[in-house]
Amino acid sequence: MSEISETFRKMALFGIGAIAISKEKIEEFAQEMVKKGELNKEEGKKFVMDVLSEKNRQCKELEEKINKKVRDVVENSGAATKKDVESLSTRMEKIEATIDRLKQI
């Protein structure tokens, strides 16, 4: 593998923007490298798979970070969560049942 394609591979896999690169662009780049003789077909396929795998990993990591941030914001905002509302609803049902029983006395 040439020094240029190895450098691009490292950038795409570990650094900047694999998440933003479309599958078509990755395949297009790999095909171009194969045509230039910088990669053989097997290396091109492996390159595409490696970049797509890294892209998926980065997407999942980003999603996890976003979900954590949203949870933190909700927890710190003082807003009632679905669990809080369900708990209050259950308590209200118990109170209403107690009031109904007391009315019958």
PDB file of N, CA and C in Angstrom:
ATOM      1  N   MET A   1       0.854  -1.170   0.000  1.00  0.00           N
ATOM      2  CA  MET A   1       0.000   0.000   0.000  1.00  0.00           C
ATOM      3  C   MET A   1       0.898   1.231   0.000  1.00  0.00           C
ATOM      4  N   SER A   2       0.565   2.214  -0.834  1.00  0.00           N
ATOM      5  CA  SER A   2       1.411   3.398  -0.921  1.00  0.00           C
ATOM      6  C   SER A   2       1.277   4.270   0.314  1.00  0.00           C
ATOM      7  N   GLU A   3       2.236   5.156   0.469  1.00  0.00           N
ATOM      8  CA  GLU A   3       2.251   6.043   1.627  1.00  0.00           C
ATOM      9  C   GLU A   3       1.038   6.969   1.629  1.00  0.00           C
ATOM     10  N   ILE A   4       0.618   7.447   0.453  1.00  0.00           N
ATOM     11  CA  ILE A   4      -0.530   8.364   0.363  1.00  0.00           C
ATOM     12  C   ILE A   4      -1.817   7.644   0.753  1.00  0.00           C
ATOM     13  N   SER A   5      -2.057   6.469   0.200  1.00  0.00           N
ATOM     14  CA  SER A   5      -3.289   5.765   0.538  1.00  0.00           C
ATOM     15  C   SER A   5      -3.286   5.302   1.990  1.00  0.00           C
ATOM     16  N   GLU A   6      -2.128   4.962   2.525  1.00  0.00           N
ATOM     17  CA  GLU A   6      -2.045   4.577   3.933  1.00  0.00           C
ATOM     18  C   GLU A   6      -2.359   5.778   4.819  1.00  0.00           C
ATOM     19  N   THR A   7      -1.869   6.945   4.454  1.00  0.00           N
ATOM     20  CA  THR A   7      -2.168   8.164   5.204  1.00  0.00           C
ATOM     21  C   THR A   7      -3.659   8.450   5.164  1.00  0.00           C
ATOM     22  N   PHE A   8      -4.264   8.362   3.978  1.00  0.00           N
ATOM     23  CA  PHE A   8      -5.710   8.601   3.871  1.00  0.00           C
ATOM     24  C   PHE A   8      -6.475   7.583   4.696  1.00  0.00           C
ATOM     25  N   ARG A   9      -6.054   6.342   4.624  1.00  0.00           N
ATOM     26  CA  ARG A   9      -6.718   5.268   5.383  1.00  0.00           C
ATOM     27  C   ARG A   9      -6.694   5.580   6.876  1.00  0.00           C
ATOM     28  N   LYS A  10      -5.544   5.992   7.371  1.00  0.00           N
ATOM     29  CA  LYS A  10      -5.436   6.314   8.792  1.00  0.00           C
ATOM     30  C   LYS A  10      -6.328   7.497   9.157  1.00  0.00           C
ATOM     31  N   MET A  11      -6.348   8.524   8.305  1.00  0.00           N
ATOM     32  CA  MET A  11      -7.201   9.685   8.586  1.00  0.00           C
ATOM     33  C   MET A  11      -8.665   9.269   8.605  1.00  0.00           C
ATOM     34  N   ALA A  12      -9.065   8.487   7.624  1.00  0.00           N
ATOM     35  CA  ALA A  12     -10.465   8.083   7.538  1.00  0.00           C
ATOM     36  C   ALA A  12     -10.864   7.192   8.696  1.00  0.00           C
ATOM     37  N   LEU A  13      -9.956   6.308   9.103  1.00  0.00           N
ATOM     38  CA  LEU A  13     -10.290   5.371  10.165  1.00  0.00           C
ATOM     39  C   LEU A  13     -10.208   5.974  11.558  1.00  0.00           C
ATOM     40  N   PHE A  14      -9.263   6.819  11.807  1.00  0.00           N
ATOM     41  CA  PHE A  14      -9.007   7.235  13.176  1.00  0.00           C
ATOM     42  C   PHE A  14      -9.204   8.705  13.451  1.00  0.00           C
ATOM     43  N   GLY A  15      -9.349   9.476  12.452  1.00  0.00           N
ATOM     44  CA  GLY A  15      -9.350  10.871  12.779  1.00  0.00           C
ATOM     45  C   GLY A  15     -10.579  11.616  12.371  1.00  0.00           C
ATOM     46  N   ILE A  16     -10.564  12.046  11.183  1.00  0.00           N
ATOM     47  CA  ILE A  16     -11.482  13.113  10.839  1.00  0.00           C
ATOM     48  C   ILE A  16     -12.513  12.664   9.827  1.00  0.00           C
ATOM     49  N   GLY A  17     -13.721  12.594  10.271  1.00  0.00           N
ATOM     50  CA  GLY A  17     -14.852  12.546   9.387  1.00  0.00           C
ATOM     51  C   GLY A  17     -15.247  11.254   8.719  1.00  0.00           C
ATOM     52  N   ALA A  18     -14.861  10.108   9.207  1.00  0.00           N
ATOM     53  CA  ALA A  18     -15.366   8.878   8.596  1.00  0.00           C
ATOM     54  C   ALA A  18     -16.883   8.845   8.698  1.00  0.00           C
ATOM     55  N   ILE A  19     -17.400   9.482   9.720  1.00  0.00           N
ATOM     56  CA  ILE A  19     -18.844   9.489   9.936  1.00  0.00           C
ATOM     57  C   ILE A  19     -19.577  10.243   8.820  1.00  0.00           C
ATOM     58  N   ALA A  20     -18.879  11.192   8.206  1.00  0.00           N
ATOM     59  CA  ALA A  20     -19.522  12.041   7.204  1.00  0.00           C
ATOM     60  C   ALA A  20     -19.349  11.517   5.779  1.00  0.00           C
ATOM     61  N   ILE A  21     -18.535  10.520   5.592  1.00  0.00           N
ATOM     62  CA  ILE A  21     -18.259  10.010   4.254  1.00  0.00           C
ATOM     63  C   ILE A  21     -19.314   8.984   3.869  1.00  0.00           C
ATOM     64  N   SER A  22     -19.898   9.145   2.694  1.00  0.00           N
ATOM     65  CA  SER A  22     -20.911   8.188   2.248  1.00  0.00           C
ATOM     66  C   SER A  22     -20.241   6.907   1.751  1.00  0.00           C
ATOM     67  N   LYS A  23     -21.015   5.838   1.782  1.00  0.00           N
ATOM     68  CA  LYS A  23     -20.512   4.547   1.300  1.00  0.00           C
ATOM     69  C   LYS A  23     -20.068   4.663  -0.157  1.00  0.00           C
ATOM     70  N   GLU A  24     -20.844   5.389  -0.931  1.00  0.00           N
ATOM     71  CA  GLU A  24     -20.516   5.550  -2.350  1.00  0.00           C
ATOM     72  C   GLU A  24     -19.175   6.245  -2.532  1.00  0.00           C
ATOM     73  N   LYS A  25     -18.909   7.282  -1.739  1.00  0.00           N
ATOM     74  CA  LYS A  25     -17.640   8.004  -1.844  1.00  0.00           C
ATOM     75  C   LYS A  25     -16.470   7.125  -1.417  1.00  0.00           C
ATOM     76  N   ILE A  26     -16.688   6.326  -0.390  1.00  0.00           N
ATOM     77  CA  ILE A  26     -15.633   5.420   0.064  1.00  0.00           C
ATOM     78  C   ILE A  26     -15.312   4.411  -1.031  1.00  0.00           C
ATOM     79  N   GLU A  27     -16.360   3.823  -1.617  1.00  0.00           N
ATOM     80  CA  GLU A  27     -16.161   2.848  -2.690  1.00  0.00           C
ATOM     81  C   GLU A  27     -15.513   3.503  -3.908  1.00  0.00           C
ATOM     82  N   GLU A  28     -15.941   4.718  -4.217  1.00  0.00           N
ATOM     83  CA  GLU A  28     -15.378   5.462  -5.344  1.00  0.00           C
ATOM     84  C   GLU A  28     -13.879   5.697  -5.133  1.00  0.00           C
ATOM     85  N   PHE A  29     -13.519   6.118  -3.927  1.00  0.00           N
ATOM     86  CA  PHE A  29     -12.110   6.348  -3.616  1.00  0.00           C
ATOM     87  C   PHE A  29     -11.307   5.053  -3.742  1.00  0.00           C
ATOM     88  N   ALA A  30     -11.840   3.967  -3.204  1.00  0.00           N
ATOM     89  CA  ALA A  30     -11.144   2.681  -3.266  1.00  0.00           C
ATOM     90  C   ALA A  30     -10.968   2.237  -4.711  1.00  0.00           C
ATOM     91  N   GLN A  31     -12.002   2.401  -5.533  1.00  0.00           N
ATOM     92  CA  GLN A  31     -11.900   2.029  -6.948  1.00  0.00           C
ATOM     93  C   GLN A  31     -10.831   2.860  -7.658  1.00  0.00           C
ATOM     94  N   GLU A  32     -10.761   4.126  -7.321  1.00  0.00           N
ATOM     95  CA  GLU A  32      -9.747   5.000  -7.907  1.00  0.00           C
ATOM     96  C   GLU A  32      -8.347   4.540  -7.518  1.00  0.00           C
ATOM     97  N   MET A  33      -8.182   4.147  -6.253  1.00  0.00           N
ATOM     98  CA  MET A  33      -6.875   3.657  -5.795  1.00  0.00           C
ATOM     99  C   MET A  33      -6.507   2.349  -6.496  1.00  0.00           C
ATOM    100  N   VAL A  34      -7.510   1.502  -6.753  1.00  0.00           N
ATOM    101  CA  VAL A  34      -7.268   0.255  -7.472  1.00  0.00           C
ATOM    102  C   VAL A  34      -6.843   0.571  -8.902  1.00  0.00           C
ATOM    103  N   LYS A  35      -7.550   1.499  -9.552  1.00  0.00           N
ATOM    104  CA  LYS A  35      -7.200   1.888 -10.929  1.00  0.00           C
ATOM    105  C   LYS A  35      -5.787   2.440 -11.024  1.00  0.00           C
ATOM    106  N   LYS A  36      -5.377   3.201 -10.013  1.00  0.00           N
ATOM    107  CA  LYS A  36      -4.034   3.793 -10.003  1.00  0.00           C
ATOM    108  C   LYS A  36      -2.974   2.764  -9.636  1.00  0.00           C
ATOM    109  N   GLY A  37      -3.412   1.606  -9.173  1.00  0.00           N
ATOM    110  CA  GLY A  37      -2.471   0.561  -8.798  1.00  0.00           C
ATOM    111  C   GLY A  37      -1.940   0.706  -7.384  1.00  0.00           C
ATOM    112  N   GLU A  38      -2.521   1.608  -6.616  1.00  0.00           N
ATOM    113  CA  GLU A  38      -2.064   1.804  -5.237  1.00  0.00           C
ATOM    114  C   GLU A  38      -2.652   0.756  -4.294  1.00  0.00           C
ATOM    115  N   LEU A  39      -3.757   0.145  -4.692  1.00  0.00           N
ATOM    116  CA  LEU A  39      -4.374  -0.940  -3.934  1.00  0.00           C
ATOM    117  C   LEU A  39      -4.736  -2.038  -4.917  1.00  0.00           C
ATOM    118  N   ASN A  40      -4.680  -3.303  -4.464  1.00  0.00           N
ATOM    119  CA  ASN A  40      -5.250  -4.349  -5.291  1.00  0.00           C
ATOM    120  C   ASN A  40      -6.731  -4.471  -4.917  1.00  0.00           C
ATOM    121  N   LYS A  41      -7.475  -5.294  -5.628  1.00  0.00           N
ATOM    122  CA  LYS A  41      -8.922  -5.384  -5.378  1.00  0.00           C
ATOM    123  C   LYS A  41      -9.242  -5.818  -3.958  1.00  0.00           C
ATOM    124  N   GLU A  42      -8.492  -6.771  -3.441  1.00  0.00           N
ATOM    125  CA  GLU A  42      -8.737  -7.242  -2.068  1.00  0.00           C
ATOM    126  C   GLU A  42      -8.462  -6.138  -1.053  1.00  0.00           C
ATOM    127  N   GLU A  43      -7.376  -5.403  -1.253  1.00  0.00           N
ATOM    128  CA  GLU A  43      -7.071  -4.282  -0.356  1.00  0.00           C
ATOM    129  C   GLU A  43      -8.163  -3.214  -0.441  1.00  0.00           C
ATOM    130  N   GLY A  44      -8.665  -2.993  -1.649  1.00  0.00           N
ATOM    131  CA  GLY A  44      -9.744  -2.018  -1.840  1.00  0.00           C
ATOM    132  C   GLY A  44     -10.991  -2.426  -1.085  1.00  0.00           C
ATOM    133  N   LYS A  45     -11.360  -3.712  -1.179  1.00  0.00           N
ATOM    134  CA  LYS A  45     -12.531  -4.210  -0.457  1.00  0.00           C
ATOM    135  C   LYS A  45     -12.318  -4.090   1.054  1.00  0.00           C
ATOM    136  N   LYS A  46     -11.121  -4.452   1.516  1.00  0.00           N
ATOM    137  CA  LYS A  46     -10.821  -4.362   2.944  1.00  0.00           C
ATOM    138  C   LYS A  46     -10.865  -2.912   3.404  1.00  0.00           C
ATOM    139  N   PHE A  47     -10.327  -2.020   2.598  1.00  0.00           N
ATOM    140  CA  PHE A  47     -10.348  -0.602   2.927  1.00  0.00           C
ATOM    141  C   PHE A  47     -11.794  -0.118   3.106  1.00  0.00           C
ATOM    142  N   VAL A  48     -12.650  -0.460   2.158  1.00  0.00           N
ATOM    143  CA  VAL A  48     -14.061  -0.051   2.232  1.00  0.00           C
ATOM    144  C   VAL A  48     -14.700  -0.609   3.497  1.00  0.00           C
ATOM    145  N   MET A  49     -14.471  -1.890   3.781  1.00  0.00           N
ATOM    146  CA  MET A  49     -15.046  -2.507   4.974  1.00  0.00           C
ATOM    147  C   MET A  49     -14.520  -1.852   6.252  1.00  0.00           C
ATOM    148  N   ASP A  50     -13.217  -1.556   6.284  1.00  0.00           N
ATOM    149  CA  ASP A  50     -12.622  -0.913   7.459  1.00  0.00           C
ATOM    150  C   ASP A  50     -13.221   0.474   7.700  1.00  0.00           C
ATOM    151  N   VAL A  51     -13.343   1.252   6.638  1.00  0.00           N
ATOM    152  CA  VAL A  51     -13.875   2.607   6.784  1.00  0.00           C
ATOM    153  C   VAL A  51     -15.351   2.558   7.181  1.00  0.00           C
ATOM    154  N   LEU A  52     -16.117   1.661   6.575  1.00  0.00           N
ATOM    155  CA  LEU A  52     -17.532   1.544   6.939  1.00  0.00           C
ATOM    156  C   LEU A  52     -17.692   1.070   8.385  1.00  0.00           C
ATOM    157  N   SER A  53     -16.829   0.161   8.805  1.00  0.00           N
ATOM    158  CA  SER A  53     -16.864  -0.313  10.187  1.00  0.00           C
ATOM    159  C   SER A  53     -16.555   0.835  11.146  1.00  0.00           C
ATOM    160  N   GLU A  54     -15.552   1.629  10.813  1.00  0.00           N
ATOM    161  CA  GLU A  54     -15.204   2.774  11.655  1.00  0.00           C
ATOM    162  C   GLU A  54     -16.326   3.809  11.645  1.00  0.00           C
ATOM    163  N   LYS A  55     -16.940   3.992  10.495  1.00  0.00           N
ATOM    164  CA  LYS A  55     -18.061   4.935  10.399  1.00  0.00           C
ATOM    165  C   LYS A  55     -19.195   4.487  11.327  1.00  0.00           C
ATOM    166  N   ASN A  56     -19.524   3.209  11.299  1.00  0.00           N
ATOM    167  CA  ASN A  56     -20.578   2.679  12.171  1.00  0.00           C
ATOM    168  C   ASN A  56     -20.220   2.841  13.645  1.00  0.00           C
ATOM    169  N   ARG A  57     -18.954   2.591  13.971  1.00  0.00           N
ATOM    170  CA  ARG A  57     -18.501   2.747  15.345  1.00  0.00           C
ATOM    171  C   ARG A  57     -18.637   4.204  15.792  1.00  0.00           C
ATOM    172  N   GLN A  58     -18.235   5.124  14.924  1.00  0.00           N
ATOM    173  CA  GLN A  58     -18.327   6.547  15.257  1.00  0.00           C
ATOM    174  C   GLN A  58     -19.785   6.993  15.391  1.00  0.00           C
ATOM    175  N   CYS A  59     -20.656   6.481  14.529  1.00  0.00           N
ATOM    176  CA  CYS A  59     -22.076   6.823  14.621  1.00  0.00           C
ATOM    177  C   CYS A  59     -22.654   6.346  15.952  1.00  0.00           C
ATOM    178  N   LYS A  60     -22.330   5.118  16.314  1.00  0.00           N
ATOM    179  CA  LYS A  60     -22.826   4.564  17.574  1.00  0.00           C
ATOM    180  C   LYS A  60     -22.289   5.364  18.758  1.00  0.00           C
ATOM    181  N   GLU A  61     -21.012   5.693  18.716  1.00  0.00           N
ATOM    182  CA  GLU A  61     -20.405   6.484  19.797  1.00  0.00           C
ATOM    183  C   GLU A  61     -21.071   7.860  19.894  1.00  0.00           C
ATOM    184  N   LEU A  62     -21.317   8.482  18.757  1.00  0.00           N
ATOM    185  CA  LEU A  62     -21.970   9.791  18.746  1.00  0.00           C
ATOM    186  C   LEU A  62     -23.384   9.694  19.304  1.00  0.00           C
ATOM    187  N   GLU A  63     -24.106   8.655  18.904  1.00  0.00           N
ATOM    188  CA  GLU A  63     -25.467   8.456  19.407  1.00  0.00           C
ATOM    189  C   GLU A  63     -25.463   8.273  20.929  1.00  0.00           C
ATOM    190  N   GLU A  64     -24.512   7.487  21.432  1.00  0.00           N
ATOM    191  CA  GLU A  64     -24.412   7.279  22.877  1.00  0.00           C
ATOM    192  C   GLU A  64     -24.120   8.588  23.606  1.00  0.00           C
ATOM    193  N   LYS A  65     -23.236   9.408  23.042  1.00  0.00           N
ATOM    194  CA  LYS A  65     -22.910  10.700  23.648  1.00  0.00           C
ATOM    195  C   LYS A  65     -24.129  11.618  23.658  1.00  0.00           C
ATOM    196  N   ILE A  66     -24.864  11.638  22.555  1.00  0.00           N
ATOM    197  CA  ILE A  66     -26.059  12.482  22.472  1.00  0.00           C
ATOM    198  C   ILE A  66     -27.097  12.019  23.483  1.00  0.00           C
ATOM    199  N   ASN A  67     -27.330  10.708  23.549  1.00  0.00           N
ATOM    200  CA  ASN A  67     -28.299  10.171  24.504  1.00  0.00           C
ATOM    201  C   ASN A  67     -27.913  10.509  25.943  1.00  0.00           C
ATOM    202  N   LYS A  68     -26.629  10.395  26.262  1.00  0.00           N
ATOM    203  CA  LYS A  68     -26.167  10.721  27.609  1.00  0.00           C
ATOM    204  C   LYS A  68     -26.391  12.205  27.896  1.00  0.00           C
ATOM    205  N   LYS A  69     -26.080  13.047  26.939  1.00  0.00           N
ATOM    206  CA  LYS A  69     -26.244  14.486  27.127  1.00  0.00           C
ATOM    207  C   LYS A  69     -27.714  14.829  27.328  1.00  0.00           C
ATOM    208  N   VAL A  70     -28.596  14.214  26.554  1.00  0.00           N
ATOM    209  CA  VAL A  70     -30.033  14.464  26.697  1.00  0.00           C
ATOM    210  C   VAL A  70     -30.506  14.024  28.084  1.00  0.00           C
ATOM    211  N   ARG A  71     -30.072  12.825  28.529  1.00  0.00           N
ATOM    212  CA  ARG A  71     -30.433  12.354  29.874  1.00  0.00           C
ATOM    213  C   ARG A  71     -29.945  13.325  30.943  1.00  0.00           C
ATOM    214  N   ASP A  72     -28.709  13.799  30.794  1.00  0.00           N
ATOM    215  CA  ASP A  72     -28.159  14.747  31.765  1.00  0.00           C
ATOM    216  C   ASP A  72     -28.973  16.039  31.799  1.00  0.00           C
ATOM    217  N   VAL A  73     -29.333  16.543  30.632  1.00  0.00           N
ATOM    218  CA  VAL A  73     -30.106  17.785  30.562  1.00  0.00           C
ATOM    219  C   VAL A  73     -31.466  17.590  31.210  1.00  0.00           C
ATOM    220  N   VAL A  74     -32.137  16.475  30.916  1.00  0.00           N
ATOM    221  CA  VAL A  74     -33.458  16.211  31.498  1.00  0.00           C
ATOM    222  C   VAL A  74     -33.348  16.084  33.016  1.00  0.00           C
ATOM    223  N   GLU A  75     -32.353  15.336  33.472  1.00  0.00           N
ATOM    224  CA  GLU A  75     -32.177  15.153  34.920  1.00  0.00           C
ATOM    225  C   GLU A  75     -31.890  16.472  35.627  1.00  0.00           C
ATOM    226  N   ASN A  76     -31.101  17.319  35.006  1.00  0.00           N
ATOM    227  CA  ASN A  76     -30.717  18.584  35.632  1.00  0.00           C
ATOM    228  C   ASN A  76     -31.747  19.692  35.444  1.00  0.00           C
ATOM    229  N   SER A  77     -32.716  19.483  34.563  1.00  0.00           N
ATOM    230  CA  SER A  77     -33.692  20.532  34.281  1.00  0.00           C
ATOM    231  C   SER A  77     -34.814  20.588  35.313  1.00  0.00           C
ATOM    232  N   GLY A  78     -34.986  19.507  36.048  1.00  0.00           N
ATOM    233  CA  GLY A  78     -36.075  19.456  37.014  1.00  0.00           C
ATOM    234  C   GLY A  78     -37.396  19.052  36.367  1.00  0.00           C
ATOM    235  N   ALA A  79     -37.391  18.760  35.093  1.00  0.00           N
ATOM    236  CA  ALA A  79     -38.606  18.331  34.404  1.00  0.00           C
ATOM    237  C   ALA A  79     -38.960  16.912  34.835  1.00  0.00           C
ATOM    238  N   ALA A  80     -40.259  16.651  34.900  1.00  0.00           N
ATOM    239  CA  ALA A  80     -40.720  15.317  35.273  1.00  0.00           C
ATOM    240  C   ALA A  80     -40.447  14.345  34.132  1.00  0.00           C
ATOM    241  N   THR A  81     -39.949  13.190  34.499  1.00  0.00           N
ATOM    242  CA  THR A  81     -39.718  12.142  33.511  1.00  0.00           C
ATOM    243  C   THR A  81     -40.977  11.278  33.402  1.00  0.00           C
ATOM    244  N   LYS A  82     -41.006  10.421  32.413  1.00  0.00           N
ATOM    245  CA  LYS A  82     -42.129   9.499  32.241  1.00  0.00           C
ATOM    246  C   LYS A  82     -42.290   8.640  33.498  1.00  0.00           C
ATOM    247  N   LYS A  83     -41.174   8.218  34.057  1.00  0.00           N
ATOM    248  CA  LYS A  83     -41.204   7.400  35.274  1.00  0.00           C
ATOM    249  C   LYS A  83     -41.815   8.187  36.437  1.00  0.00           C
ATOM    250  N   ASP A  84     -41.455   9.477  36.549  1.00  0.00           N
ATOM    251  CA  ASP A  84     -42.025  10.333  37.600  1.00  0.00           C
ATOM    252  C   ASP A  84     -43.536  10.444  37.447  1.00  0.00           C
ATOM    253  N   VAL A  85     -43.996  10.672  36.219  1.00  0.00           N
ATOM    254  CA  VAL A  85     -45.431  10.827  35.955  1.00  0.00           C
ATOM    255  C   VAL A  85     -46.167   9.527  36.258  1.00  0.00           C
ATOM    256  N   GLU A  86     -45.599   8.400  35.862  1.00  0.00           N
ATOM    257  CA  GLU A  86     -46.223   7.109  36.142  1.00  0.00           C
ATOM    258  C   GLU A  86     -46.325   6.863  37.646  1.00  0.00           C
ATOM    259  N   SER A  87     -45.279   7.224  38.373  1.00  0.00           N
ATOM    260  CA  SER A  87     -45.282   7.055  39.819  1.00  0.00           C
ATOM    261  C   SER A  87     -46.372   7.915  40.456  1.00  0.00           C
ATOM    262  N   LEU A  88     -46.481   9.161  40.024  1.00  0.00           N
ATOM    263  CA  LEU A  88     -47.523  10.043  40.548  1.00  0.00           C
ATOM    264  C   LEU A  88     -48.919   9.541  40.198  1.00  0.00           C
ATOM    265  N   SER A  89     -49.058   9.015  38.999  1.00  0.00           N
ATOM    266  CA  SER A  89     -50.352   8.475  38.575  1.00  0.00           C
ATOM    267  C   SER A  89     -50.766   7.304  39.468  1.00  0.00           C
ATOM    268  N   THR A  90     -49.824   6.425  39.757  1.00  0.00           N
ATOM    269  CA  THR A  90     -50.097   5.291  40.639  1.00  0.00           C
ATOM    270  C   THR A  90     -50.494   5.786  42.023  1.00  0.00           C
ATOM    271  N   ARG A  91     -49.787   6.774  42.544  1.00  0.00           N
ATOM    272  CA  ARG A  91     -50.113   7.318  43.863  1.00  0.00           C
ATOM    273  C   ARG A  91     -51.502   7.951  43.859  1.00  0.00           C
ATOM    274  N   MET A  92     -51.829   8.667  42.786  1.00  0.00           N
ATOM    275  CA  MET A  92     -53.155   9.303  42.690  1.00  0.00           C
ATOM    276  C   MET A  92     -54.261   8.251  42.673  1.00  0.00           C
ATOM    277  N   GLU A  93     -54.042   7.170  41.952  1.00  0.00           N
ATOM    278  CA  GLU A  93     -55.033   6.103  41.904  1.00  0.00           C
ATOM    279  C   GLU A  93     -55.269   5.523  43.297  1.00  0.00           C
ATOM    280  N   LYS A  94     -54.202   5.347  44.073  1.00  0.00           N
ATOM    281  CA  LYS A  94     -54.323   4.823  45.440  1.00  0.00           C
ATOM    282  C   LYS A  94     -55.079   5.821  46.322  1.00  0.00           C
ATOM    283  N   ILE A  95     -54.767   7.095  46.191  1.00  0.00           N
ATOM    284  CA  ILE A  95     -55.456   8.130  46.974  1.00  0.00           C
ATOM    285  C   ILE A  95     -56.940   8.170  46.619  1.00  0.00           C
ATOM    286  N   GLU A  96     -57.256   8.102  45.325  1.00  0.00           N
ATOM    287  CA  GLU A  96     -58.651   8.112  44.892  1.00  0.00           C
ATOM    288  C   GLU A  96     -59.395   6.887  45.430  1.00  0.00           C
ATOM    289  N   ALA A  97     -58.743   5.736  45.428  1.00  0.00           N
ATOM    290  CA  ALA A  97     -59.367   4.521  45.959  1.00  0.00           C
ATOM    291  C   ALA A  97     -59.616   4.669  47.448  1.00  0.00           C
ATOM    292  N   THR A  98     -58.698   5.261  48.174  1.00  0.00           N
ATOM    293  CA  THR A  98     -58.864   5.491  49.611  1.00  0.00           C
ATOM    294  C   THR A  98     -60.013   6.453  49.856  1.00  0.00           C
ATOM    295  N   ILE A  99     -60.093   7.523  49.092  1.00  0.00           N
ATOM    296  CA  ILE A  99     -61.194   8.495  49.241  1.00  0.00           C
ATOM    297  C   ILE A  99     -62.532   7.825  48.974  1.00  0.00           C
ATOM    298  N   ASP A 100     -62.604   6.993  47.935  1.00  0.00           N
ATOM    299  CA  ASP A 100     -63.867   6.281  47.626  1.00  0.00           C
ATOM    300  C   ASP A 100     -64.262   5.371  48.780  1.00  0.00           C
ATOM    301  N   ARG A 101     -63.289   4.685  49.368  1.00  0.00           N
ATOM    302  CA  ARG A 101     -63.591   3.806  50.510  1.00  0.00           C
ATOM    303  C   ARG A 101     -64.085   4.637  51.705  1.00  0.00           C
ATOM    304  N   LEU A 102     -63.482   5.768  51.942  1.00  0.00           N
ATOM    305  CA  LEU A 102     -63.878   6.621  53.068  1.00  0.00           C
ATOM    306  C   LEU A 102     -65.278   7.208  52.864  1.00  0.00           C
ATOM    307  N   LYS A 103     -65.649   7.478  51.634  1.00  0.00           N
ATOM    308  CA  LYS A 103     -66.999   8.003  51.345  1.00  0.00           C
ATOM    309  C   LYS A 103     -68.060   6.964  51.671  1.00  0.00           C
ATOM    310  N   GLN A 104     -67.707   5.703  51.580  1.00  0.00           N
ATOM    311  CA  GLN A 104     -68.689   4.629  51.815  1.00  0.00           C
ATOM    312  C   GLN A 104     -68.881   4.375  53.308  1.00  0.00           C
ATOM    313  N   ILE A 105     -68.092   4.936  54.150  1.00  0.00           N
ATOM    314  CA  ILE A 105     -68.204   4.720  55.594  1.00  0.00           C
ATOM    315  C   ILE A 105     -69.246   5.625  56.177  1.00  0.00           C
TER     316      ILE A 105
END
